[in-house]
């Protein structure tokens, strides 16, 4: 019976399942600092744009549009780094940039929340805050800052609750996996950062 339920879920939520698989593969490749992550993440961005729009999670749908832009930028920025350094090198996050990003995330949360509320979106301010800080994490990821993984851990934990509330079970499971991948990414990027510091000294 459970097998039949699984097959029915896949049949009725095929796009969400496809987004889940491509996201997992793309983020795993990102934790490994492999350039191939970007085209796969780009595909996942487009798939989830459709999934979230259909679920009326309008801030999340809008987020995917920004993700597409950041993904294209990250792809270019990482590629340029590989051409110059021969690998994707982790970059330190200056304190000023950290503070600016936190303030920008808070401002974006309020602004997007007001817009989402007027559009009658589900969970407008929660969704808007997650959207805003996801943009911060995406920017840090594109810029190769290890801090992106800390922020993704927090954001993804809250996303799990939101998706369970909206009955997006596969996506909630995906975000549970993304928390695990973020922990892995944090560990691997910190090792790379420490190795680069030792090499430079």
N, C-alpha and C. Protein backbone atom coordinates (compact mmCIF):
# COMPACT_ATOMS: atom_id res chain seq x y z
N UNK A 1 0.83 -1.20 0.00
CA UNK A 1 0.00 0.00 0.00
C UNK A 1 0.88 1.26 0.00
N UNK A 2 1.94 1.26 0.82
CA UNK A 2 2.81 2.42 0.90
C UNK A 2 3.50 2.66 -0.45
N UNK A 3 3.84 1.59 -1.17
CA UNK A 3 4.46 1.72 -2.49
C UNK A 3 3.50 2.41 -3.45
N UNK A 4 2.21 2.05 -3.38
CA UNK A 4 1.20 2.66 -4.25
C UNK A 4 1.03 4.14 -3.91
N UNK A 5 1.06 4.46 -2.63
CA UNK A 5 0.95 5.86 -2.22
C UNK A 5 2.14 6.67 -2.73
N UNK A 6 3.33 6.07 -2.66
CA UNK A 6 4.53 6.74 -3.15
C UNK A 6 4.44 6.99 -4.65
N UNK A 7 3.99 5.99 -5.39
CA UNK A 7 3.86 6.13 -6.85
C UNK A 7 2.81 7.20 -7.19
N UNK A 8 1.73 7.23 -6.42
CA UNK A 8 0.69 8.24 -6.65
C UNK A 8 1.24 9.64 -6.38
N UNK A 9 2.04 9.77 -5.30
CA UNK A 9 2.62 11.07 -4.97
C UNK A 9 3.55 11.53 -6.09
N UNK A 10 4.40 10.63 -6.56
CA UNK A 10 5.32 10.98 -7.64
C UNK A 10 4.55 11.39 -8.89
N UNK A 11 3.47 10.66 -9.18
CA UNK A 11 2.68 10.97 -10.37
C UNK A 11 2.00 12.32 -10.28
N UNK A 12 1.52 12.67 -9.10
CA UNK A 12 0.79 13.93 -8.94
C UNK A 12 1.69 15.11 -8.57
N UNK A 13 2.90 14.83 -8.11
CA UNK A 13 3.84 15.88 -7.72
C UNK A 13 5.18 15.71 -8.45
N UNK A 14 5.11 15.32 -9.69
CA UNK A 14 6.32 15.02 -10.46
C UNK A 14 7.28 16.18 -10.55
N UNK A 15 6.75 17.39 -10.72
CA UNK A 15 7.61 18.58 -10.85
C UNK A 15 8.33 18.87 -9.54
N UNK A 16 7.61 18.74 -8.43
CA UNK A 16 8.23 18.95 -7.12
C UNK A 16 9.33 17.92 -6.87
N UNK A 17 9.08 16.66 -7.24
CA UNK A 17 10.08 15.61 -7.07
C UNK A 17 11.32 15.90 -7.92
N UNK A 18 11.09 16.35 -9.17
CA UNK A 18 12.21 16.70 -10.06
C UNK A 18 13.02 17.84 -9.46
N UNK A 19 12.34 18.84 -8.88
CA UNK A 19 13.03 19.95 -8.24
C UNK A 19 13.82 19.48 -7.03
N UNK A 20 13.27 18.53 -6.29
CA UNK A 20 13.95 17.98 -5.13
C UNK A 20 15.26 17.31 -5.53
N UNK A 21 15.19 16.47 -6.54
CA UNK A 21 16.38 15.71 -6.98
C UNK A 21 17.46 16.64 -7.52
N UNK A 22 17.06 17.57 -8.40
CA UNK A 22 18.07 18.47 -8.98
C UNK A 22 18.68 19.40 -7.92
N UNK A 23 17.88 19.82 -6.96
CA UNK A 23 18.40 20.67 -5.89
C UNK A 23 19.42 19.92 -5.05
N UNK A 24 19.09 18.69 -4.66
CA UNK A 24 20.02 17.89 -3.85
C UNK A 24 21.35 17.68 -4.56
N UNK A 25 21.27 17.33 -5.84
CA UNK A 25 22.50 17.10 -6.61
C UNK A 25 23.30 18.41 -6.72
N UNK A 26 22.60 19.51 -7.04
CA UNK A 26 23.27 20.78 -7.20
C UNK A 26 23.94 21.26 -5.93
N UNK A 27 23.26 21.14 -4.79
CA UNK A 27 23.83 21.61 -3.53
C UNK A 27 24.97 20.70 -3.08
N UNK A 28 24.83 19.40 -3.31
CA UNK A 28 25.94 18.49 -2.97
C UNK A 28 27.19 18.87 -3.76
N UNK A 29 27.03 19.15 -5.04
CA UNK A 29 28.17 19.58 -5.85
C UNK A 29 28.75 20.91 -5.35
N UNK A 30 27.86 21.79 -4.83
CA UNK A 30 28.32 23.06 -4.28
C UNK A 30 29.18 22.84 -3.04
N UNK A 31 28.77 21.89 -2.19
CA UNK A 31 29.58 21.60 -1.00
C UNK A 31 30.97 21.12 -1.39
N UNK A 32 31.07 20.48 -2.55
CA UNK A 32 32.36 19.98 -3.04
C UNK A 32 33.12 21.04 -3.83
N UNK A 33 32.54 22.24 -3.96
CA UNK A 33 33.12 23.36 -4.71
C UNK A 33 33.42 22.96 -6.16
N UNK A 34 32.45 22.30 -6.79
CA UNK A 34 32.58 21.87 -8.18
C UNK A 34 31.76 22.80 -9.07
N UNK A 35 32.37 23.27 -10.14
CA UNK A 35 31.74 24.24 -11.05
C UNK A 35 30.46 23.70 -11.67
N UNK A 36 30.37 22.39 -11.81
CA UNK A 36 29.19 21.75 -12.39
C UNK A 36 27.92 22.02 -11.59
N UNK A 37 28.08 22.46 -10.33
CA UNK A 37 26.90 22.71 -9.49
C UNK A 37 25.97 23.74 -10.11
N UNK A 38 26.52 24.74 -10.80
CA UNK A 38 25.72 25.88 -11.22
C UNK A 38 24.67 25.57 -12.28
N UNK A 39 24.97 24.84 -13.37
CA UNK A 39 23.88 24.54 -14.31
C UNK A 39 22.79 23.66 -13.70
N UNK A 40 23.17 22.79 -12.78
CA UNK A 40 22.16 21.93 -12.13
C UNK A 40 21.30 22.75 -11.19
N UNK A 41 21.92 23.64 -10.43
CA UNK A 41 21.16 24.54 -9.55
C UNK A 41 20.24 25.44 -10.37
N UNK A 42 20.70 25.89 -11.52
CA UNK A 42 19.87 26.73 -12.40
C UNK A 42 18.60 26.00 -12.81
N UNK A 43 18.73 24.73 -13.17
CA UNK A 43 17.55 23.92 -13.53
C UNK A 43 16.61 23.80 -12.34
N UNK A 44 17.15 23.57 -11.15
CA UNK A 44 16.32 23.47 -9.94
C UNK A 44 15.60 24.78 -9.66
N UNK A 45 16.28 25.90 -9.87
CA UNK A 45 15.65 27.22 -9.66
C UNK A 45 14.41 27.39 -10.52
N UNK A 46 14.53 27.01 -11.78
CA UNK A 46 13.41 27.17 -12.72
C UNK A 46 12.26 26.24 -12.34
N UNK A 47 12.58 25.00 -11.98
CA UNK A 47 11.53 24.06 -11.59
C UNK A 47 10.77 24.56 -10.37
N UNK A 48 11.51 25.03 -9.35
CA UNK A 48 10.84 25.48 -8.13
C UNK A 48 10.11 26.81 -8.31
N UNK A 49 10.50 27.58 -9.28
CA UNK A 49 9.73 28.78 -9.61
C UNK A 49 8.29 28.40 -9.93
N UNK A 50 8.13 27.36 -10.72
CA UNK A 50 6.79 26.88 -11.10
C UNK A 50 6.08 26.25 -9.89
N UNK A 51 6.79 25.41 -9.13
CA UNK A 51 6.19 24.72 -7.98
C UNK A 51 5.66 25.73 -6.96
N UNK A 52 6.45 26.73 -6.62
CA UNK A 52 6.04 27.69 -5.61
C UNK A 52 4.93 28.61 -6.11
N UNK A 53 4.96 28.94 -7.39
CA UNK A 53 3.88 29.76 -7.93
C UNK A 53 2.55 29.00 -7.85
N UNK A 54 2.58 27.73 -8.17
CA UNK A 54 1.36 26.92 -8.10
C UNK A 54 0.86 26.77 -6.66
N UNK A 55 1.78 26.80 -5.68
CA UNK A 55 1.40 26.67 -4.26
C UNK A 55 1.03 28.02 -3.64
N UNK A 56 1.08 29.10 -4.43
CA UNK A 56 0.77 30.46 -3.98
C UNK A 56 1.76 30.95 -2.92
N UNK A 57 2.96 30.38 -2.90
CA UNK A 57 4.04 30.91 -2.07
C UNK A 57 4.78 31.92 -2.93
N UNK A 58 4.19 33.12 -3.01
CA UNK A 58 4.64 34.10 -4.00
C UNK A 58 6.03 34.65 -3.70
N UNK A 59 6.37 34.81 -2.42
CA UNK A 59 7.71 35.27 -2.10
C UNK A 59 8.75 34.23 -2.51
N UNK A 60 8.42 32.95 -2.30
CA UNK A 60 9.33 31.89 -2.73
C UNK A 60 9.46 31.84 -4.24
N UNK A 61 8.35 32.07 -4.93
CA UNK A 61 8.41 32.09 -6.40
C UNK A 61 9.28 33.25 -6.88
N UNK A 62 9.10 34.42 -6.26
CA UNK A 62 9.94 35.57 -6.59
C UNK A 62 11.40 35.29 -6.26
N UNK A 63 11.61 34.60 -5.15
CA UNK A 63 12.98 34.24 -4.76
C UNK A 63 13.68 33.45 -5.85
N UNK A 64 12.94 32.56 -6.51
CA UNK A 64 13.56 31.74 -7.56
C UNK A 64 14.04 32.60 -8.72
N UNK A 65 13.34 33.70 -8.99
CA UNK A 65 13.78 34.62 -10.05
C UNK A 65 15.14 35.20 -9.68
N UNK A 66 15.27 35.64 -8.42
CA UNK A 66 16.55 36.16 -7.94
C UNK A 66 17.61 35.06 -7.92
N UNK A 67 17.19 33.85 -7.55
CA UNK A 67 18.13 32.73 -7.55
C UNK A 67 18.72 32.50 -8.94
N UNK A 68 17.87 32.63 -9.97
CA UNK A 68 18.37 32.46 -11.34
C UNK A 68 19.47 33.48 -11.62
N UNK A 69 19.23 34.73 -11.22
CA UNK A 69 20.23 35.79 -11.44
C UNK A 69 21.50 35.49 -10.66
N UNK A 70 21.36 35.14 -9.37
CA UNK A 70 22.52 34.84 -8.54
C UNK A 70 23.25 33.59 -9.01
N UNK A 71 22.50 32.62 -9.50
CA UNK A 71 23.11 31.39 -10.02
C UNK A 71 23.97 31.70 -11.24
N UNK A 72 23.45 32.51 -12.13
CA UNK A 72 24.24 32.90 -13.31
C UNK A 72 25.48 33.68 -12.89
N UNK A 73 25.32 34.59 -11.91
CA UNK A 73 26.47 35.35 -11.42
C UNK A 73 27.48 34.41 -10.75
N UNK A 74 26.98 33.53 -9.88
CA UNK A 74 27.87 32.60 -9.18
C UNK A 74 28.64 31.71 -10.14
N UNK A 75 27.95 31.24 -11.16
CA UNK A 75 28.58 30.41 -12.18
C UNK A 75 29.74 31.17 -12.81
N UNK A 76 29.49 32.43 -13.20
CA UNK A 76 30.53 33.24 -13.83
C UNK A 76 31.67 33.54 -12.85
N UNK A 77 31.31 33.91 -11.59
CA UNK A 77 32.32 34.28 -10.60
C UNK A 77 33.22 33.08 -10.25
N UNK A 78 32.61 31.91 -10.06
CA UNK A 78 33.39 30.72 -9.75
C UNK A 78 34.26 30.33 -10.95
N UNK A 79 33.70 30.41 -12.16
CA UNK A 79 34.46 30.06 -13.36
C UNK A 79 35.67 30.96 -13.50
N UNK A 80 35.47 32.26 -13.26
CA UNK A 80 36.59 33.20 -13.34
C UNK A 80 37.66 32.86 -12.30
N UNK A 81 37.24 32.48 -11.09
CA UNK A 81 38.18 32.09 -10.05
C UNK A 81 38.97 30.85 -10.42
N UNK A 82 38.29 29.89 -11.05
CA UNK A 82 38.97 28.67 -11.49
C UNK A 82 40.02 29.01 -12.56
N UNK A 83 39.67 29.93 -13.46
CA UNK A 83 40.61 30.33 -14.52
C UNK A 83 41.85 30.99 -13.92
N UNK A 84 41.66 31.77 -12.85
CA UNK A 84 42.78 32.50 -12.25
C UNK A 84 43.58 31.66 -11.26
N UNK A 85 42.87 30.86 -10.44
CA UNK A 85 43.52 30.14 -9.35
C UNK A 85 43.64 28.63 -9.57
N UNK A 86 42.94 28.11 -10.57
CA UNK A 86 42.96 26.67 -10.82
C UNK A 86 41.98 25.89 -9.96
N UNK A 87 41.26 26.58 -9.07
CA UNK A 87 40.28 25.94 -8.21
C UNK A 87 39.32 27.00 -7.67
N UNK A 88 38.24 26.54 -7.04
CA UNK A 88 37.31 27.46 -6.38
C UNK A 88 37.84 27.69 -4.97
N UNK A 89 38.33 28.89 -4.71
CA UNK A 89 38.89 29.22 -3.40
C UNK A 89 37.87 29.93 -2.53
N UNK A 90 37.81 29.54 -1.27
CA UNK A 90 36.91 30.17 -0.30
C UNK A 90 37.46 31.54 0.07
N UNK A 91 36.57 32.53 0.16
CA UNK A 91 36.97 33.91 0.46
C UNK A 91 36.45 34.31 1.84
N UNK A 92 37.23 35.05 2.63
CA UNK A 92 36.74 35.52 3.94
C UNK A 92 35.64 36.57 3.79
N UNK A 93 34.74 36.61 4.76
CA UNK A 93 33.65 37.59 4.76
C UNK A 93 34.01 38.74 5.70
N UNK A 94 34.23 39.95 5.16
CA UNK A 94 34.56 41.09 6.02
C UNK A 94 33.40 41.44 6.96
N UNK A 95 33.72 41.94 8.15
CA UNK A 95 32.71 42.29 9.15
C UNK A 95 31.72 43.32 8.61
N UNK A 96 32.21 44.29 7.88
CA UNK A 96 31.33 45.32 7.32
C UNK A 96 30.31 44.70 6.37
N UNK A 97 30.75 43.79 5.52
CA UNK A 97 29.85 43.12 4.58
C UNK A 97 28.83 42.27 5.33
N UNK A 98 29.24 41.65 6.43
CA UNK A 98 28.33 40.85 7.25
C UNK A 98 27.22 41.72 7.82
N UNK A 99 27.59 42.87 8.40
CA UNK A 99 26.60 43.77 9.01
C UNK A 99 25.66 44.36 7.96
N UNK A 100 26.20 44.75 6.82
CA UNK A 100 25.36 45.28 5.74
C UNK A 100 24.36 44.23 5.27
N UNK A 101 24.80 42.99 5.15
CA UNK A 101 23.93 41.92 4.69
C UNK A 101 22.80 41.64 5.68
N UNK A 102 23.10 41.67 6.97
CA UNK A 102 22.07 41.44 8.00
C UNK A 102 21.01 42.53 7.96
N UNK A 103 21.45 43.79 7.84
CA UNK A 103 20.51 44.92 7.77
C UNK A 103 19.69 44.85 6.47
N UNK A 104 20.35 44.53 5.37
CA UNK A 104 19.65 44.42 4.09
C UNK A 104 18.62 43.29 4.14
N UNK A 105 18.97 42.18 4.79
CA UNK A 105 18.02 41.07 4.94
C UNK A 105 16.80 41.46 5.73
N UNK A 106 17.00 42.24 6.81
CA UNK A 106 15.87 42.70 7.64
C UNK A 106 14.98 43.66 6.85
N UNK A 107 15.61 44.60 6.13
CA UNK A 107 14.83 45.56 5.33
C UNK A 107 14.05 44.84 4.24
N UNK A 108 14.70 43.88 3.60
CA UNK A 108 14.03 43.11 2.56
C UNK A 108 12.85 42.31 3.11
N UNK A 109 12.99 41.81 4.34
CA UNK A 109 11.91 41.04 4.97
C UNK A 109 10.65 41.89 5.12
N UNK A 110 10.82 43.13 5.60
CA UNK A 110 9.68 44.03 5.80
C UNK A 110 9.06 44.41 4.45
N UNK A 111 9.90 44.80 3.52
CA UNK A 111 9.41 45.25 2.21
C UNK A 111 8.67 44.13 1.48
N UNK A 112 9.30 42.95 1.39
CA UNK A 112 8.66 41.82 0.71
C UNK A 112 7.42 41.35 1.44
N UNK A 113 7.44 41.43 2.78
CA UNK A 113 6.28 41.02 3.57
C UNK A 113 5.06 41.88 3.27
N UNK A 114 5.27 43.18 3.16
CA UNK A 114 4.16 44.09 2.84
C UNK A 114 3.60 43.80 1.44
N UNK A 115 4.50 43.56 0.50
CA UNK A 115 4.05 43.25 -0.87
C UNK A 115 3.28 41.94 -0.89
N UNK A 116 3.84 40.91 -0.22
CA UNK A 116 3.20 39.59 -0.20
C UNK A 116 1.84 39.65 0.49
N UNK A 117 1.73 40.48 1.54
CA UNK A 117 0.45 40.62 2.25
C UNK A 117 -0.61 41.21 1.34
N UNK A 118 -0.23 42.20 0.55
CA UNK A 118 -1.19 42.82 -0.39
C UNK A 118 -1.60 41.85 -1.50
N UNK A 119 -0.72 40.89 -1.82
CA UNK A 119 -1.03 39.90 -2.85
C UNK A 119 -1.74 38.67 -2.29
N UNK A 120 -2.06 38.73 -0.98
CA UNK A 120 -2.77 37.63 -0.30
C UNK A 120 -1.98 36.33 -0.34
N UNK A 121 -0.67 36.44 -0.20
CA UNK A 121 0.18 35.26 -0.19
C UNK A 121 0.03 34.51 1.12
N UNK A 122 0.29 33.22 1.09
CA UNK A 122 0.29 32.42 2.31
C UNK A 122 1.52 32.80 3.15
N UNK A 123 1.33 32.95 4.47
CA UNK A 123 2.42 33.25 5.41
C UNK A 123 3.32 34.39 4.91
N UNK A 124 2.75 35.57 4.66
CA UNK A 124 3.51 36.62 3.96
C UNK A 124 4.81 37.05 4.63
N UNK A 125 4.81 37.28 5.96
CA UNK A 125 6.00 37.81 6.59
C UNK A 125 7.05 36.74 6.89
N UNK A 126 6.59 35.55 7.24
CA UNK A 126 7.54 34.43 7.42
C UNK A 126 8.22 34.12 6.09
N UNK A 127 7.39 33.98 5.06
CA UNK A 127 7.91 33.66 3.73
C UNK A 127 8.84 34.76 3.23
N UNK A 128 8.47 36.02 3.49
CA UNK A 128 9.28 37.15 3.03
C UNK A 128 10.63 37.18 3.74
N UNK A 129 10.65 36.90 5.05
CA UNK A 129 11.92 36.88 5.79
C UNK A 129 12.83 35.76 5.28
N UNK A 130 12.24 34.60 5.05
CA UNK A 130 13.03 33.49 4.51
C UNK A 130 13.57 33.82 3.13
N UNK A 131 12.74 34.48 2.34
CA UNK A 131 13.15 34.88 0.99
C UNK A 131 14.32 35.86 1.07
N UNK A 132 14.18 36.87 1.91
CA UNK A 132 15.20 37.91 2.01
C UNK A 132 16.54 37.35 2.46
N UNK A 133 16.51 36.52 3.50
CA UNK A 133 17.78 35.98 4.00
C UNK A 133 18.32 34.86 3.12
N UNK A 134 17.47 34.23 2.34
CA UNK A 134 17.95 33.27 1.33
C UNK A 134 18.75 34.00 0.25
N UNK A 135 18.32 35.22 -0.07
CA UNK A 135 19.07 36.02 -1.04
C UNK A 135 20.44 36.38 -0.48
N UNK A 136 20.49 36.70 0.80
CA UNK A 136 21.78 37.00 1.43
C UNK A 136 22.68 35.76 1.37
N UNK A 137 22.13 34.60 1.73
CA UNK A 137 22.92 33.36 1.71
C UNK A 137 23.39 33.03 0.29
N UNK A 138 22.52 33.26 -0.70
CA UNK A 138 22.88 32.99 -2.09
C UNK A 138 24.00 33.91 -2.56
N UNK A 139 23.93 35.18 -2.15
CA UNK A 139 24.98 36.12 -2.52
C UNK A 139 26.31 35.69 -1.90
N UNK A 140 26.27 35.32 -0.62
CA UNK A 140 27.50 34.85 0.04
C UNK A 140 28.04 33.60 -0.63
N UNK A 141 27.14 32.72 -1.06
CA UNK A 141 27.57 31.49 -1.73
C UNK A 141 28.24 31.82 -3.06
N UNK A 142 27.62 32.72 -3.82
CA UNK A 142 28.20 33.13 -5.10
C UNK A 142 29.56 33.78 -4.91
N UNK A 143 29.72 34.50 -3.78
CA UNK A 143 30.99 35.18 -3.48
C UNK A 143 31.99 34.27 -2.77
N UNK A 144 31.59 33.02 -2.52
CA UNK A 144 32.46 31.98 -1.95
C UNK A 144 32.80 32.23 -0.48
N UNK A 145 31.82 32.76 0.29
CA UNK A 145 32.00 32.99 1.72
C UNK A 145 31.45 31.79 2.50
N UNK A 146 32.24 31.25 3.41
CA UNK A 146 31.82 30.10 4.22
C UNK A 146 30.57 30.41 5.03
N UNK A 147 30.37 31.66 5.41
CA UNK A 147 29.22 32.06 6.23
C UNK A 147 27.89 31.71 5.57
N UNK A 148 27.88 31.50 4.26
CA UNK A 148 26.63 31.14 3.59
C UNK A 148 26.02 29.89 4.19
N UNK A 149 26.87 28.95 4.59
CA UNK A 149 26.35 27.68 5.12
C UNK A 149 25.70 27.87 6.48
N UNK A 150 26.23 28.72 7.34
CA UNK A 150 25.59 29.01 8.64
C UNK A 150 24.18 29.55 8.42
N UNK A 151 24.07 30.50 7.49
CA UNK A 151 22.77 31.12 7.24
C UNK A 151 21.81 30.12 6.61
N UNK A 152 22.30 29.28 5.69
CA UNK A 152 21.43 28.27 5.07
C UNK A 152 20.88 27.30 6.12
N UNK A 153 21.69 26.94 7.11
CA UNK A 153 21.22 26.02 8.15
C UNK A 153 20.00 26.62 8.86
N UNK A 154 20.11 27.87 9.27
CA UNK A 154 19.01 28.53 9.98
C UNK A 154 17.78 28.67 9.08
N UNK A 155 17.98 29.19 7.88
CA UNK A 155 16.87 29.43 6.96
C UNK A 155 16.16 28.12 6.61
N UNK A 156 16.93 27.09 6.32
CA UNK A 156 16.33 25.83 5.89
C UNK A 156 15.54 25.13 6.99
N UNK A 157 15.99 25.28 8.24
CA UNK A 157 15.23 24.71 9.37
C UNK A 157 13.85 25.35 9.44
N UNK A 158 13.78 26.67 9.29
CA UNK A 158 12.48 27.36 9.32
C UNK A 158 11.65 26.98 8.10
N UNK A 159 12.30 26.84 6.94
CA UNK A 159 11.58 26.44 5.73
C UNK A 159 10.89 25.08 5.92
N UNK A 160 11.50 24.17 6.63
CA UNK A 160 10.90 22.85 6.85
C UNK A 160 9.52 22.99 7.46
N UNK A 161 9.42 23.83 8.49
CA UNK A 161 8.12 24.06 9.13
C UNK A 161 7.11 24.68 8.18
N UNK A 162 7.56 25.62 7.37
CA UNK A 162 6.65 26.27 6.42
C UNK A 162 6.10 25.28 5.40
N UNK A 163 6.96 24.44 4.88
CA UNK A 163 6.52 23.50 3.84
C UNK A 163 5.64 22.39 4.41
N UNK A 164 5.90 21.98 5.64
CA UNK A 164 5.00 21.02 6.27
C UNK A 164 3.60 21.64 6.44
N UNK A 165 3.57 22.90 6.82
CA UNK A 165 2.30 23.61 6.97
C UNK A 165 1.54 23.68 5.65
N UNK A 166 2.27 23.82 4.53
CA UNK A 166 1.65 23.92 3.21
C UNK A 166 1.49 22.56 2.53
N UNK A 167 1.72 21.46 3.25
CA UNK A 167 1.59 20.10 2.71
C UNK A 167 2.52 19.81 1.53
N UNK A 168 3.65 20.48 1.50
CA UNK A 168 4.68 20.19 0.49
C UNK A 168 5.69 19.24 1.13
N UNK A 169 5.28 17.98 1.27
CA UNK A 169 6.05 17.01 2.05
C UNK A 169 7.40 16.70 1.42
N UNK A 170 7.43 16.53 0.10
CA UNK A 170 8.70 16.23 -0.57
C UNK A 170 9.67 17.40 -0.42
N UNK A 171 9.13 18.61 -0.49
CA UNK A 171 9.98 19.79 -0.35
C UNK A 171 10.47 19.92 1.09
N UNK A 172 9.62 19.60 2.07
CA UNK A 172 10.04 19.62 3.47
C UNK A 172 11.17 18.61 3.70
N UNK A 173 11.02 17.43 3.13
CA UNK A 173 12.07 16.41 3.23
C UNK A 173 13.35 16.88 2.55
N UNK A 174 13.17 17.54 1.39
CA UNK A 174 14.32 18.11 0.69
C UNK A 174 15.07 19.08 1.59
N UNK A 175 14.34 19.96 2.26
CA UNK A 175 14.99 20.97 3.09
C UNK A 175 15.64 20.37 4.33
N UNK A 176 15.12 19.24 4.80
CA UNK A 176 15.80 18.51 5.86
C UNK A 176 17.14 18.00 5.35
N UNK A 177 17.15 17.48 4.13
CA UNK A 177 18.40 17.03 3.51
C UNK A 177 19.34 18.22 3.27
N UNK A 178 18.75 19.37 2.91
CA UNK A 178 19.57 20.56 2.66
C UNK A 178 20.26 21.05 3.94
N UNK A 179 19.60 20.86 5.09
CA UNK A 179 20.25 21.19 6.35
C UNK A 179 21.49 20.32 6.53
N UNK A 180 21.33 19.03 6.25
CA UNK A 180 22.48 18.12 6.34
C UNK A 180 23.58 18.49 5.37
N UNK A 181 23.20 18.85 4.14
CA UNK A 181 24.20 19.26 3.15
C UNK A 181 24.88 20.57 3.55
N UNK A 182 24.12 21.48 4.17
CA UNK A 182 24.71 22.74 4.62
C UNK A 182 25.75 22.49 5.72
N UNK A 183 25.45 21.54 6.61
CA UNK A 183 26.43 21.17 7.64
C UNK A 183 27.68 20.60 6.97
N UNK A 184 27.49 19.74 5.97
CA UNK A 184 28.61 19.18 5.23
C UNK A 184 29.40 20.27 4.51
N UNK A 185 28.68 21.20 3.87
CA UNK A 185 29.33 22.30 3.18
C UNK A 185 30.12 23.17 4.13
N UNK A 186 29.54 23.45 5.30
CA UNK A 186 30.24 24.25 6.31
C UNK A 186 31.54 23.58 6.72
N UNK A 187 31.47 22.28 6.97
CA UNK A 187 32.67 21.53 7.37
C UNK A 187 33.74 21.55 6.27
N UNK A 188 33.32 21.27 5.04
CA UNK A 188 34.29 21.18 3.94
C UNK A 188 34.88 22.55 3.58
N UNK A 189 34.04 23.59 3.57
CA UNK A 189 34.53 24.92 3.22
C UNK A 189 35.45 25.47 4.32
N UNK A 190 35.15 25.15 5.57
CA UNK A 190 36.04 25.60 6.66
C UNK A 190 37.40 24.91 6.55
N UNK A 191 37.40 23.64 6.19
CA UNK A 191 38.67 22.94 5.97
C UNK A 191 39.46 23.59 4.85
N UNK A 192 38.75 23.92 3.75
CA UNK A 192 39.42 24.56 2.61
C UNK A 192 39.97 25.92 3.01
N UNK A 193 39.20 26.65 3.84
CA UNK A 193 39.62 27.97 4.30
C UNK A 193 40.87 27.86 5.18
N UNK A 194 40.88 26.87 6.08
CA UNK A 194 42.02 26.67 6.96
C UNK A 194 43.26 26.24 6.17
N UNK A 195 43.05 25.38 5.18
CA UNK A 195 44.16 24.94 4.33
C UNK A 195 44.76 26.10 3.56
N UNK A 196 43.89 26.97 3.03
CA UNK A 196 44.37 28.15 2.29
C UNK A 196 45.15 29.07 3.21
N UNK A 197 44.71 29.23 4.46
CA UNK A 197 45.40 30.09 5.42
C UNK A 197 46.77 29.52 5.77
N UNK A 198 46.85 28.19 5.92
CA UNK A 198 48.12 27.54 6.22
C UNK A 198 49.10 27.67 5.06
N UNK A 199 48.56 27.54 3.84
CA UNK A 199 49.40 27.65 2.64
C UNK A 199 49.96 29.05 2.49
N UNK A 200 49.12 30.05 2.82
CA UNK A 200 49.52 31.45 2.66
C UNK A 200 50.55 31.87 3.71
N UNK A 201 50.53 31.21 4.90
CA UNK A 201 51.44 31.62 5.98
C UNK A 201 52.81 30.98 5.87
